[in-house]
């Protein structure tokens, strides 16, 4: 995530001071200010320094689909699933779910 947001490439904080990421001792992120990282490089510092992250306008990477169509299941498995729907006391009773099982490619 840090790489995707380009956080580690930031070398200067909002006050113009250089940032050495290896020297950070305390880091704070607030829910109300999601684009800001507050940090201290010493426990003796009273206030936090601030880095404002730039908004990324690029859409998030979408993974490729694993299958172009639903994978087929073996005939025995399909028949086993159908027996759950069609027995005297069906395990799957909701018609929406029964339709799903019946529509599985086999």
PDB file of N, CA and C in Angstrom:
ATOM      1  N   UNK A   1       0.818  -1.184   0.000  1.00  0.00           N
ATOM      2  CA  UNK A   1       0.000   0.000   0.000  1.00  0.00           C
ATOM      3  C   UNK A   1       0.866   1.253   0.000  1.00  0.00           C
ATOM      4  N   UNK A   2       1.927   1.247   0.781  1.00  0.00           N
ATOM      5  CA  UNK A   2       2.802   2.412   0.823  1.00  0.00           C
ATOM      6  C   UNK A   2       3.394   2.689  -0.549  1.00  0.00           C
ATOM      7  N   UNK A   3       3.724   1.630  -1.274  1.00  0.00           N
ATOM      8  CA  UNK A   3       4.265   1.786  -2.618  1.00  0.00           C
ATOM      9  C   UNK A   3       3.213   2.329  -3.566  1.00  0.00           C
ATOM     10  N   UNK A   4       1.985   1.801  -3.484  1.00  0.00           N
ATOM     11  CA  UNK A   4       0.906   2.262  -4.357  1.00  0.00           C
ATOM     12  C   UNK A   4       0.595   3.738  -4.149  1.00  0.00           C
ATOM     13  N   UNK A   5       0.638   4.192  -2.907  1.00  0.00           N
ATOM     14  CA  UNK A   5       0.336   5.592  -2.611  1.00  0.00           C
ATOM     15  C   UNK A   5       1.549   6.500  -2.789  1.00  0.00           C
ATOM     16  N   UNK A   6       2.715   5.928  -2.985  1.00  0.00           N
ATOM     17  CA  UNK A   6       3.921   6.727  -3.157  1.00  0.00           C
ATOM     18  C   UNK A   6       4.368   7.394  -1.873  1.00  0.00           C
ATOM     19  N   UNK A   7       4.024   6.813  -0.739  1.00  0.00           N
ATOM     20  CA  UNK A   7       4.331   7.438   0.544  1.00  0.00           C
ATOM     21  C   UNK A   7       5.833   7.529   0.774  1.00  0.00           C
ATOM     22  N   UNK A   8       6.557   6.461   0.500  1.00  0.00           N
ATOM     23  CA  UNK A   8       7.985   6.445   0.804  1.00  0.00           C
ATOM     24  C   UNK A   8       8.804   7.326  -0.125  1.00  0.00           C
ATOM     25  N   UNK A   9       8.209   7.799  -1.214  1.00  0.00           N
ATOM     26  CA  UNK A   9       8.936   8.700  -2.107  1.00  0.00           C
ATOM     27  C   UNK A   9       8.887  10.142  -1.608  1.00  0.00           C
ATOM     28  N   UNK A  10       8.081  10.417  -0.593  1.00  0.00           N
ATOM     29  CA  UNK A  10       7.993  11.774  -0.030  1.00  0.00           C
ATOM     30  C   UNK A  10       9.236  12.022   0.806  1.00  0.00           C
ATOM     31  N   UNK A  11       9.929  13.108   0.515  1.00  0.00           N
ATOM     32  CA  UNK A  11      11.173  13.416   1.213  1.00  0.00           C
ATOM     33  C   UNK A  11      11.090  14.700   2.039  1.00  0.00           C
ATOM     34  N   UNK A  12       9.978  15.465   1.895  1.00  0.00           N
ATOM     35  CA  UNK A  12       9.851  16.746   2.598  1.00  0.00           C
ATOM     36  C   UNK A  12       8.475  16.814   3.245  1.00  0.00           C
ATOM     37  N   UNK A  13       8.414  17.233   4.521  1.00  0.00           N
ATOM     38  CA  UNK A  13       7.123  17.365   5.190  1.00  0.00           C
ATOM     39  C   UNK A  13       6.465  18.693   4.814  1.00  0.00           C
ATOM     40  N   UNK A  14       5.281  18.958   5.352  1.00  0.00           N
ATOM     41  CA  UNK A  14       4.524  20.154   4.987  1.00  0.00           C
ATOM     42  C   UNK A  14       5.194  21.448   5.447  1.00  0.00           C
ATOM     43  N   UNK A  15       6.106  21.361   6.418  1.00  0.00           N
ATOM     44  CA  UNK A  15       6.824  22.547   6.892  1.00  0.00           C
ATOM     45  C   UNK A  15       8.118  22.789   6.116  1.00  0.00           C
ATOM     46  N   UNK A  16       8.439  21.918   5.159  1.00  0.00           N
ATOM     47  CA  UNK A  16       9.635  22.083   4.342  1.00  0.00           C
ATOM     48  C   UNK A  16      10.858  21.371   4.887  1.00  0.00           C
ATOM     49  N   UNK A  17      10.716  20.631   5.958  1.00  0.00           N
ATOM     50  CA  UNK A  17      11.838  19.888   6.539  1.00  0.00           C
ATOM     51  C   UNK A  17      11.978  18.538   5.844  1.00  0.00           C
ATOM     52  N   UNK A  18      13.227  18.059   5.730  1.00  0.00           N
ATOM     53  CA  UNK A  18      13.420  16.762   5.081  1.00  0.00           C
ATOM     54  C   UNK A  18      12.952  15.646   6.018  1.00  0.00           C
ATOM     55  N   UNK A  19      12.452  14.570   5.416  1.00  0.00           N
ATOM     56  CA  UNK A  19      11.925  13.433   6.171  1.00  0.00           C
ATOM     57  C   UNK A  19      12.838  12.236   5.951  1.00  0.00           C
ATOM     58  N   UNK A  20      13.372  11.711   7.040  1.00  0.00           N
ATOM     59  CA  UNK A  20      14.147  10.472   6.988  1.00  0.00           C
ATOM     60  C   UNK A  20      13.266   9.388   7.600  1.00  0.00           C
ATOM     61  N   UNK A  21      12.719   8.524   6.753  1.00  0.00           N
ATOM     62  CA  UNK A  21      11.743   7.530   7.195  1.00  0.00           C
ATOM     63  C   UNK A  21      12.321   6.556   8.215  1.00  0.00           C
ATOM     64  N   UNK A  22      13.637   6.393   8.227  1.00  0.00           N
ATOM     65  CA  UNK A  22      14.249   5.465   9.181  1.00  0.00           C
ATOM     66  C   UNK A  22      14.340   6.055  10.584  1.00  0.00           C
ATOM     67  N   UNK A  23      14.103   7.357  10.724  1.00  0.00           N
ATOM     68  CA  UNK A  23      14.225   8.024  12.025  1.00  0.00           C
ATOM     69  C   UNK A  23      12.879   8.266  12.707  1.00  0.00           C
ATOM     70  N   UNK A  24      11.781   7.866  12.085  1.00  0.00           N
ATOM     71  CA  UNK A  24      10.469   8.089  12.693  1.00  0.00           C
ATOM     72  C   UNK A  24      10.308   7.202  13.920  1.00  0.00           C
ATOM     73  N   UNK A  25       9.887   7.816  15.035  1.00  0.00           N
ATOM     74  CA  UNK A  25       9.676   7.061  16.262  1.00  0.00           C
ATOM     75  C   UNK A  25       8.200   6.877  16.576  1.00  0.00           C
ATOM     76  N   UNK A  26       7.385   7.798  16.105  1.00  0.00           N
ATOM     77  CA  UNK A  26       5.952   7.722  16.369  1.00  0.00           C
ATOM     78  C   UNK A  26       5.204   8.190  15.129  1.00  0.00           C
ATOM     79  N   UNK A  27       4.214   7.413  14.722  1.00  0.00           N
ATOM     80  CA  UNK A  27       3.409   7.741  13.545  1.00  0.00           C
ATOM     81  C   UNK A  27       1.948   7.707  13.968  1.00  0.00           C
ATOM     82  N   UNK A  28       1.191   8.713  13.520  1.00  0.00           N
ATOM     83  CA  UNK A  28      -0.229   8.769  13.854  1.00  0.00           C
ATOM     84  C   UNK A  28      -1.023   9.063  12.583  1.00  0.00           C
ATOM     85  N   UNK A  29      -2.102   8.325  12.407  1.00  0.00           N
ATOM     86  CA  UNK A  29      -3.023   8.553  11.297  1.00  0.00           C
ATOM     87  C   UNK A  29      -4.402   8.723  11.912  1.00  0.00           C
ATOM     88  N   UNK A  30      -5.116   9.759  11.465  1.00  0.00           N
ATOM     89  CA  UNK A  30      -6.444  10.026  12.013  1.00  0.00           C
ATOM     90  C   UNK A  30      -7.512   9.717  10.981  1.00  0.00           C
ATOM     91  N   UNK A  31      -8.592   9.148  11.446  1.00  0.00           N
ATOM     92  CA  UNK A  31      -9.703   8.788  10.561  1.00  0.00           C
ATOM     93  C   UNK A  31     -10.278  10.031   9.882  1.00  0.00           C
ATOM     94  N   UNK A  32     -10.297  11.147  10.577  1.00  0.00           N
ATOM     95  CA  UNK A  32     -10.887  12.373  10.030  1.00  0.00           C
ATOM     96  C   UNK A  32      -9.981  13.060   9.017  1.00  0.00           C
ATOM     97  N   UNK A  33      -8.696  12.732   9.024  1.00  0.00           N
ATOM     98  CA  UNK A  33      -7.743  13.345   8.086  1.00  0.00           C
ATOM     99  C   UNK A  33      -6.966  12.231   7.390  1.00  0.00           C
ATOM    100  N   UNK A  34      -7.660  11.518   6.515  1.00  0.00           N
ATOM    101  CA  UNK A  34      -7.087  10.321   5.893  1.00  0.00           C
ATOM    102  C   UNK A  34      -5.903  10.616   4.983  1.00  0.00           C
ATOM    103  N   UNK A  35      -5.760  11.833   4.500  1.00  0.00           N
ATOM    104  CA  UNK A  35      -4.666  12.159   3.582  1.00  0.00           C
ATOM    105  C   UNK A  35      -3.453  12.732   4.303  1.00  0.00           C
ATOM    106  N   UNK A  36      -3.442  12.671   5.622  1.00  0.00           N
ATOM    107  CA  UNK A  36      -2.328  13.211   6.391  1.00  0.00           C
ATOM    108  C   UNK A  36      -1.675  12.126   7.230  1.00  0.00           C
ATOM    109  N   UNK A  37      -0.357  12.205   7.309  1.00  0.00           N
ATOM    110  CA  UNK A  37       0.411  11.351   8.210  1.00  0.00           C
ATOM    111  C   UNK A  37       1.115  12.284   9.182  1.00  0.00           C
ATOM    112  N   UNK A  38       0.902  12.058  10.467  1.00  0.00           N
ATOM    113  CA  UNK A  38       1.545  12.847  11.507  1.00  0.00           C
ATOM    114  C   UNK A  38       2.645  11.988  12.114  1.00  0.00           C
ATOM    115  N   UNK A  39       3.796  12.613  12.403  1.00  0.00           N
ATOM    116  CA  UNK A  39       4.910  11.818  12.913  1.00  0.00           C
ATOM    117  C   UNK A  39       5.804  12.642  13.818  1.00  0.00           C
ATOM    118  N   UNK A  40       6.571  11.924  14.636  1.00  0.00           N
ATOM    119  CA  UNK A  40       7.596  12.522  15.489  1.00  0.00           C
ATOM    120  C   UNK A  40       8.894  11.755  15.259  1.00  0.00           C
ATOM    121  N   UNK A  41       9.998  12.483  15.295  1.00  0.00           N
ATOM    122  CA  UNK A  41      11.304  11.840  15.178  1.00  0.00           C
ATOM    123  C   UNK A  41      12.014  11.792  16.527  1.00  0.00           C
ATOM    124  N   UNK A  42      11.363  12.340  17.562  1.00  0.00           N
ATOM    125  CA  UNK A  42      11.911  12.310  18.914  1.00  0.00           C
ATOM    126  C   UNK A  42      10.752  12.237  19.901  1.00  0.00           C
ATOM    127  N   UNK A  43      10.944  11.513  20.968  1.00  0.00           N
ATOM    128  CA  UNK A  43       9.906  11.444  21.999  1.00  0.00           C
ATOM    129  C   UNK A  43       9.817  12.749  22.786  1.00  0.00           C
ATOM    130  N   UNK A  44      10.798  13.608  22.633  1.00  0.00           N
ATOM    131  CA  UNK A  44      10.793  14.893  23.330  1.00  0.00           C
ATOM    132  C   UNK A  44       9.996  15.959  22.581  1.00  0.00           C
ATOM    133  N   UNK A  45       9.689  15.728  21.317  1.00  0.00           N
ATOM    134  CA  UNK A  45       8.894  16.687  20.546  1.00  0.00           C
ATOM    135  C   UNK A  45       7.483  16.749  21.111  1.00  0.00           C
ATOM    136  N   UNK A  46       6.961  17.978  21.233  1.00  0.00           N
ATOM    137  CA  UNK A  46       5.606  18.135  21.767  1.00  0.00           C
ATOM    138  C   UNK A  46       4.552  18.023  20.677  1.00  0.00           C
ATOM    139  N   UNK A  47       4.867  18.504  19.481  1.00  0.00           N
ATOM    140  CA  UNK A  47       3.865  18.469  18.409  1.00  0.00           C
ATOM    141  C   UNK A  47       4.348  17.551  17.283  1.00  0.00           C
ATOM    142  N   UNK A  48       3.391  17.116  16.494  1.00  0.00           N
ATOM    143  CA  UNK A  48       3.675  16.236  15.373  1.00  0.00           C
ATOM    144  C   UNK A  48       4.022  17.045  14.132  1.00  0.00           C
ATOM    145  N   UNK A  49       4.913  16.513  13.326  1.00  0.00           N
ATOM    146  CA  UNK A  49       5.125  17.037  11.978  1.00  0.00           C
ATOM    147  C   UNK A  49       4.075  16.387  11.088  1.00  0.00           C
ATOM    148  N   UNK A  50       3.849  16.957   9.916  1.00  0.00           N
ATOM    149  CA  UNK A  50       2.742  16.517   9.077  1.00  0.00           C
ATOM    150  C   UNK A  50       3.201  16.320   7.639  1.00  0.00           C
ATOM    151  N   UNK A  51       2.696  15.256   7.020  1.00  0.00           N
ATOM    152  CA  UNK A  51       2.873  15.034   5.585  1.00  0.00           C
ATOM    153  C   UNK A  51       1.481  14.886   4.998  1.00  0.00           C
ATOM    154  N   UNK A  52       1.193  15.662   3.959  1.00  0.00           N
ATOM    155  CA  UNK A  52      -0.090  15.549   3.274  1.00  0.00           C
ATOM    156  C   UNK A  52       0.112  14.712   2.023  1.00  0.00           C
ATOM    157  N   UNK A  53      -0.657  13.634   1.922  1.00  0.00           N
ATOM    158  CA  UNK A  53      -0.569  12.757   0.757  1.00  0.00           C
ATOM    159  C   UNK A  53      -1.401  13.332  -0.371  1.00  0.00           C
ATOM    160  N   UNK A  54      -0.908  13.200  -1.580  1.00  0.00           N
ATOM    161  CA  UNK A  54      -1.653  13.670  -2.749  1.00  0.00           C
ATOM    162  C   UNK A  54      -2.764  12.690  -3.066  1.00  0.00           C
ATOM    163  N   UNK A  55      -3.881  13.217  -3.541  1.00  0.00           N
ATOM    164  CA  UNK A  55      -4.985  12.363  -3.974  1.00  0.00           C
ATOM    165  C   UNK A  55      -4.573  11.666  -5.261  1.00  0.00           C
ATOM    166  N   UNK A  56      -4.792  10.382  -5.333  1.00  0.00           N
ATOM    167  CA  UNK A  56      -4.497   9.642  -6.560  1.00  0.00           C
ATOM    168  C   UNK A  56      -5.749   9.597  -7.401  1.00  0.00           C
ATOM    169  N   UNK A  57      -5.643  10.074  -8.605  1.00  0.00           N
ATOM    170  CA  UNK A  57      -6.784  10.119  -9.494  1.00  0.00           C
ATOM    171  C   UNK A  57      -6.912   8.861 -10.339  1.00  0.00           C
ATOM    172  N   UNK A  58      -5.893   8.025 -10.326  1.00  0.00           N
ATOM    173  CA  UNK A  58      -5.933   6.807 -11.124  1.00  0.00           C
ATOM    174  C   UNK A  58      -6.816   5.771 -10.438  1.00  0.00           C
ATOM    175  N   UNK A  59      -7.599   5.046 -11.219  1.00  0.00           N
ATOM    176  CA  UNK A  59      -8.424   4.000 -10.609  1.00  0.00           C
ATOM    177  C   UNK A  59      -7.551   2.865 -10.079  1.00  0.00           C
ATOM    178  N   UNK A  60      -8.059   2.172  -9.088  1.00  0.00           N
ATOM    179  CA  UNK A  60      -7.340   1.031  -8.539  1.00  0.00           C
ATOM    180  C   UNK A  60      -7.232  -0.069  -9.590  1.00  0.00           C
ATOM    181  N   UNK A  61      -6.157  -0.812  -9.539  1.00  0.00           N
ATOM    182  CA  UNK A  61      -5.935  -1.919 -10.464  1.00  0.00           C
ATOM    183  C   UNK A  61      -6.981  -2.997 -10.227  1.00  0.00           C
ATOM    184  N   UNK A  62      -7.653  -3.406 -11.283  1.00  0.00           N
ATOM    185  CA  UNK A  62      -8.635  -4.480 -11.205  1.00  0.00           C
ATOM    186  C   UNK A  62      -7.981  -5.784 -11.651  1.00  0.00           C
ATOM    187  N   UNK A  63      -8.021  -6.808 -10.826  1.00  0.00           N
ATOM    188  CA  UNK A  63      -7.425  -8.083 -11.238  1.00  0.00           C
ATOM    189  C   UNK A  63      -8.197  -8.703 -12.393  1.00  0.00           C
ATOM    190  N   UNK A  64      -7.466  -9.448 -13.217  1.00  0.00           N
ATOM    191  CA  UNK A  64      -8.112 -10.137 -14.334  1.00  0.00           C
ATOM    192  C   UNK A  64      -8.986 -11.255 -13.792  1.00  0.00           C
ATOM    193  N   UNK A  65     -10.048 -11.553 -14.542  1.00  0.00           N
ATOM    194  CA  UNK A  65     -10.907 -12.661 -14.153  1.00  0.00           C
ATOM    195  C   UNK A  65     -10.137 -13.964 -14.307  1.00  0.00           C
ATOM    196  N   UNK A  66     -10.344 -14.850 -13.377  1.00  0.00           N
ATOM    197  CA  UNK A  66      -9.658 -16.130 -13.412  1.00  0.00           C
ATOM    198  C   UNK A  66     -10.231 -17.027 -14.499  1.00  0.00           C
ATOM    199  N   UNK A  67     -11.548 -16.953 -14.673  1.00  0.00           N
ATOM    200  CA  UNK A  67     -12.222 -17.764 -15.688  1.00  0.00           C
ATOM    201  C   UNK A  67     -13.051 -16.852 -16.583  1.00  0.00           C
ATOM    202  N   UNK A  68     -13.121 -17.176 -17.863  1.00  0.00           N
ATOM    203  CA  UNK A  68     -13.982 -16.412 -18.768  1.00  0.00           C
ATOM    204  C   UNK A  68     -15.431 -16.867 -18.646  1.00  0.00           C
ATOM    205  N   UNK A  69     -15.622 -18.072 -18.155  1.00  0.00           N
ATOM    206  CA  UNK A  69     -16.965 -18.593 -17.901  1.00  0.00           C
ATOM    207  C   UNK A  69     -16.883 -19.470 -16.650  1.00  0.00           C
ATOM    208  N   UNK A  70     -18.005 -19.730 -16.006  1.00  0.00           N
ATOM    209  CA  UNK A  70     -17.950 -20.549 -14.787  1.00  0.00           C
ATOM    210  C   UNK A  70     -17.364 -21.928 -15.076  1.00  0.00           C
ATOM    211  N   UNK A  71     -16.508 -22.425 -14.193  1.00  0.00           N
ATOM    212  CA  UNK A  71     -15.931 -23.753 -14.415  1.00  0.00           C
ATOM    213  C   UNK A  71     -16.998 -24.839 -14.251  1.00  0.00           C
ATOM    214  N   UNK A  72     -16.838 -25.887 -15.002  1.00  0.00           N
ATOM    215  CA  UNK A  72     -17.790 -27.000 -14.926  1.00  0.00           C
ATOM    216  C   UNK A  72     -17.435 -27.895 -13.744  1.00  0.00           C
ATOM    217  N   UNK A  73     -18.480 -28.486 -13.162  1.00  0.00           N
ATOM    218  CA  UNK A  73     -18.251 -29.454 -12.098  1.00  0.00           C
ATOM    219  C   UNK A  73     -18.514 -30.849 -12.659  1.00  0.00           C
ATOM    220  N   UNK A  74     -17.921 -31.832 -12.033  1.00  0.00           N
ATOM    221  CA  UNK A  74     -18.083 -33.201 -12.528  1.00  0.00           C
ATOM    222  C   UNK A  74     -19.524 -33.661 -12.322  1.00  0.00           C
ATOM    223  N   UNK A  75     -19.951 -34.594 -13.152  1.00  0.00           N
ATOM    224  CA  UNK A  75     -21.342 -35.055 -13.153  1.00  0.00           C
ATOM    225  C   UNK A  75     -21.755 -35.617 -11.790  1.00  0.00           C
ATOM    226  N   UNK A  76     -20.878 -36.400 -11.153  1.00  0.00           N
ATOM    227  CA  UNK A  76     -21.203 -36.988  -9.848  1.00  0.00           C
ATOM    228  C   UNK A  76     -21.477 -35.910  -8.794  1.00  0.00           C
ATOM    229  N   UNK A  77     -20.681 -34.863  -8.806  1.00  0.00           N
ATOM    230  CA  UNK A  77     -20.880 -33.781  -7.840  1.00  0.00           C
ATOM    231  C   UNK A  77     -22.207 -33.071  -8.111  1.00  0.00           C
ATOM    232  N   UNK A  78     -22.505 -32.835  -9.389  1.00  0.00           N
ATOM    233  CA  UNK A  78     -23.768 -32.189  -9.754  1.00  0.00           C
ATOM    234  C   UNK A  78     -24.957 -33.029  -9.273  1.00  0.00           C
ATOM    235  N   UNK A  79     -24.904 -34.323  -9.501  1.00  0.00           N
ATOM    236  CA  UNK A  79     -25.998 -35.204  -9.073  1.00  0.00           C
ATOM    237  C   UNK A  79     -26.126 -35.230  -7.552  1.00  0.00           C
ATOM    238  N   UNK A  80     -25.001 -35.164  -6.874  1.00  0.00           N
ATOM    239  CA  UNK A  80     -25.011 -35.114  -5.414  1.00  0.00           C
ATOM    240  C   UNK A  80     -25.701 -33.833  -4.925  1.00  0.00           C
ATOM    241  N   UNK A  81     -25.385 -32.713  -5.562  1.00  0.00           N
ATOM    242  CA  UNK A  81     -26.032 -31.447  -5.200  1.00  0.00           C
ATOM    243  C   UNK A  81     -27.528 -31.486  -5.492  1.00  0.00           C
ATOM    244  N   UNK A  82     -27.897 -32.110  -6.592  1.00  0.00           N
ATOM    245  CA  UNK A  82     -29.321 -32.210  -6.928  1.00  0.00           C
ATOM    246  C   UNK A  82     -30.068 -33.060  -5.908  1.00  0.00           C
ATOM    247  N   UNK A  83     -29.394 -34.076  -5.374  1.00  0.00           N
ATOM    248  CA  UNK A  83     -30.045 -34.924  -4.369  1.00  0.00           C
ATOM    249  C   UNK A  83     -30.344 -34.132  -3.091  1.00  0.00           C
ATOM    250  N   UNK A  84     -29.557 -33.102  -2.818  1.00  0.00           N
ATOM    251  CA  UNK A  84     -29.835 -32.243  -1.661  1.00  0.00           C
ATOM    252  C   UNK A  84     -31.120 -31.446  -1.861  1.00  0.00           C
ATOM    253  N   UNK A  85     -31.436 -31.145  -3.110  1.00  0.00           N
ATOM    254  CA  UNK A  85     -32.616 -30.334  -3.423  1.00  0.00           C
ATOM    255  C   UNK A  85     -33.876 -31.165  -3.586  1.00  0.00           C
ATOM    256  N   UNK A  86     -33.724 -32.404  -4.019  1.00  0.00           N
ATOM    257  CA  UNK A  86     -34.885 -33.157  -4.482  1.00  0.00           C
ATOM    258  C   UNK A  86     -35.257 -34.342  -3.596  1.00  0.00           C
ATOM    259  N   UNK A  87     -34.614 -34.494  -2.463  1.00  0.00           N
ATOM    260  CA  UNK A  87     -34.944 -35.632  -1.600  1.00  0.00           C
ATOM    261  C   UNK A  87     -36.270 -35.378  -0.876  1.00  0.00           C
ATOM    262  N   UNK A  88     -36.732 -36.375  -0.116  1.00  0.00           N
ATOM    263  CA  UNK A  88     -37.995 -36.238   0.616  1.00  0.00           C
ATOM    264  C   UNK A  88     -37.925 -35.092   1.626  1.00  0.00           C
ATOM    265  N   UNK A  89     -36.766 -34.924   2.261  1.00  0.00           N
ATOM    266  CA  UNK A  89     -36.528 -33.792   3.161  1.00  0.00           C
ATOM    267  C   UNK A  89     -35.358 -32.988   2.597  1.00  0.00           C
ATOM    268  N   UNK A  90     -35.614 -32.061   1.681  1.00  0.00           N
ATOM    269  CA  UNK A  90     -34.512 -31.339   1.032  1.00  0.00           C
ATOM    270  C   UNK A  90     -33.710 -30.492   2.021  1.00  0.00           C
ATOM    271  N   UNK A  91     -32.413 -30.529   1.855  1.00  0.00           N
ATOM    272  CA  UNK A  91     -31.522 -29.717   2.678  1.00  0.00           C
ATOM    273  C   UNK A  91     -31.595 -28.264   2.227  1.00  0.00           C
ATOM    274  N   UNK A  92     -31.616 -28.063   0.924  1.00  0.00           N
ATOM    275  CA  UNK A  92     -31.729 -26.724   0.350  1.00  0.00           C
ATOM    276  C   UNK A  92     -33.186 -26.526  -0.037  1.00  0.00           C
ATOM    277  N   UNK A  93     -33.839 -25.541   0.588  1.00  0.00           N
ATOM    278  CA  UNK A  93     -35.272 -25.360   0.371  1.00  0.00           C
ATOM    279  C   UNK A  93     -35.618 -24.050  -0.321  1.00  0.00           C
ATOM    280  N   UNK A  94     -34.786 -23.056  -0.187  1.00  0.00           N
ATOM    281  CA  UNK A  94     -35.080 -21.749  -0.768  1.00  0.00           C
ATOM    282  C   UNK A  94     -34.977 -21.860  -2.286  1.00  0.00           C
ATOM    283  N   UNK A  95     -36.020 -21.453  -2.973  1.00  0.00           N
ATOM    284  CA  UNK A  95     -36.069 -21.656  -4.429  1.00  0.00           C
ATOM    285  C   UNK A  95     -34.928 -20.941  -5.152  1.00  0.00           C
ATOM    286  N   UNK A  96     -34.523 -19.804  -4.646  1.00  0.00           N
ATOM    287  CA  UNK A  96     -33.413 -19.069  -5.264  1.00  0.00           C
ATOM    288  C   UNK A  96     -32.128 -19.905  -5.229  1.00  0.00           C
ATOM    289  N   UNK A  97     -31.885 -20.573  -4.112  1.00  0.00           N
ATOM    290  CA  UNK A  97     -30.693 -21.404  -3.983  1.00  0.00           C
ATOM    291  C   UNK A  97     -30.809 -22.669  -4.828  1.00  0.00           C
ATOM    292  N   UNK A  98     -31.991 -23.241  -4.854  1.00  0.00           N
ATOM    293  CA  UNK A  98     -32.224 -24.438  -5.671  1.00  0.00           C
ATOM    294  C   UNK A  98     -31.958 -24.111  -7.133  1.00  0.00           C
ATOM    295  N   UNK A  99     -32.448 -22.955  -7.585  1.00  0.00           N
ATOM    296  CA  UNK A  99     -32.214 -22.531  -8.971  1.00  0.00           C
ATOM    297  C   UNK A  99     -30.727 -22.357  -9.253  1.00  0.00           C
ATOM    298  N   UNK A 100     -29.999 -21.830  -8.268  1.00  0.00           N
ATOM    299  CA  UNK A 100     -28.556 -21.662  -8.440  1.00  0.00           C
ATOM    300  C   UNK A 100     -27.886 -23.019  -8.671  1.00  0.00           C
ATOM    301  N   UNK A 101     -28.204 -23.985  -7.813  1.00  0.00           N
ATOM    302  CA  UNK A 101     -27.599 -25.311  -7.955  1.00  0.00           C
ATOM    303  C   UNK A 101     -27.979 -25.961  -9.280  1.00  0.00           C
ATOM    304  N   UNK A 102     -29.208 -25.772  -9.694  1.00  0.00           N
ATOM    305  CA  UNK A 102     -29.644 -26.368 -10.964  1.00  0.00           C
ATOM    306  C   UNK A 102     -28.952 -25.726 -12.164  1.00  0.00           C
ATOM    307  N   UNK A 103     -28.553 -24.470 -12.020  1.00  0.00           N
ATOM    308  CA  UNK A 103     -27.924 -23.765 -13.141  1.00  0.00           C
ATOM    309  C   UNK A 103     -26.415 -23.996 -13.237  1.00  0.00           C
ATOM    310  N   UNK A 104     -25.837 -24.718 -12.293  1.00  0.00           N
ATOM    311  CA  UNK A 104     -24.392 -24.966 -12.336  1.00  0.00           C
ATOM    312  C   UNK A 104     -24.019 -25.749 -13.585  1.00  0.00           C
ATOM    313  N   UNK A 105     -22.973 -25.303 -14.297  1.00  0.00           N
ATOM    314  CA  UNK A 105     -22.543 -26.043 -15.488  1.00  0.00           C
ATOM    315  C   UNK A 105     -21.913 -27.375 -15.085  1.00  0.00           C
ATOM    316  N   UNK A 106     -22.273 -28.413 -15.827  1.00  0.00           N
ATOM    317  CA  UNK A 106     -21.742 -29.746 -15.515  1.00  0.00           C
ATOM    318  C   UNK A 106     -21.496 -30.531 -16.793  1.00  0.00           C
TER     319      UNK A 106
END
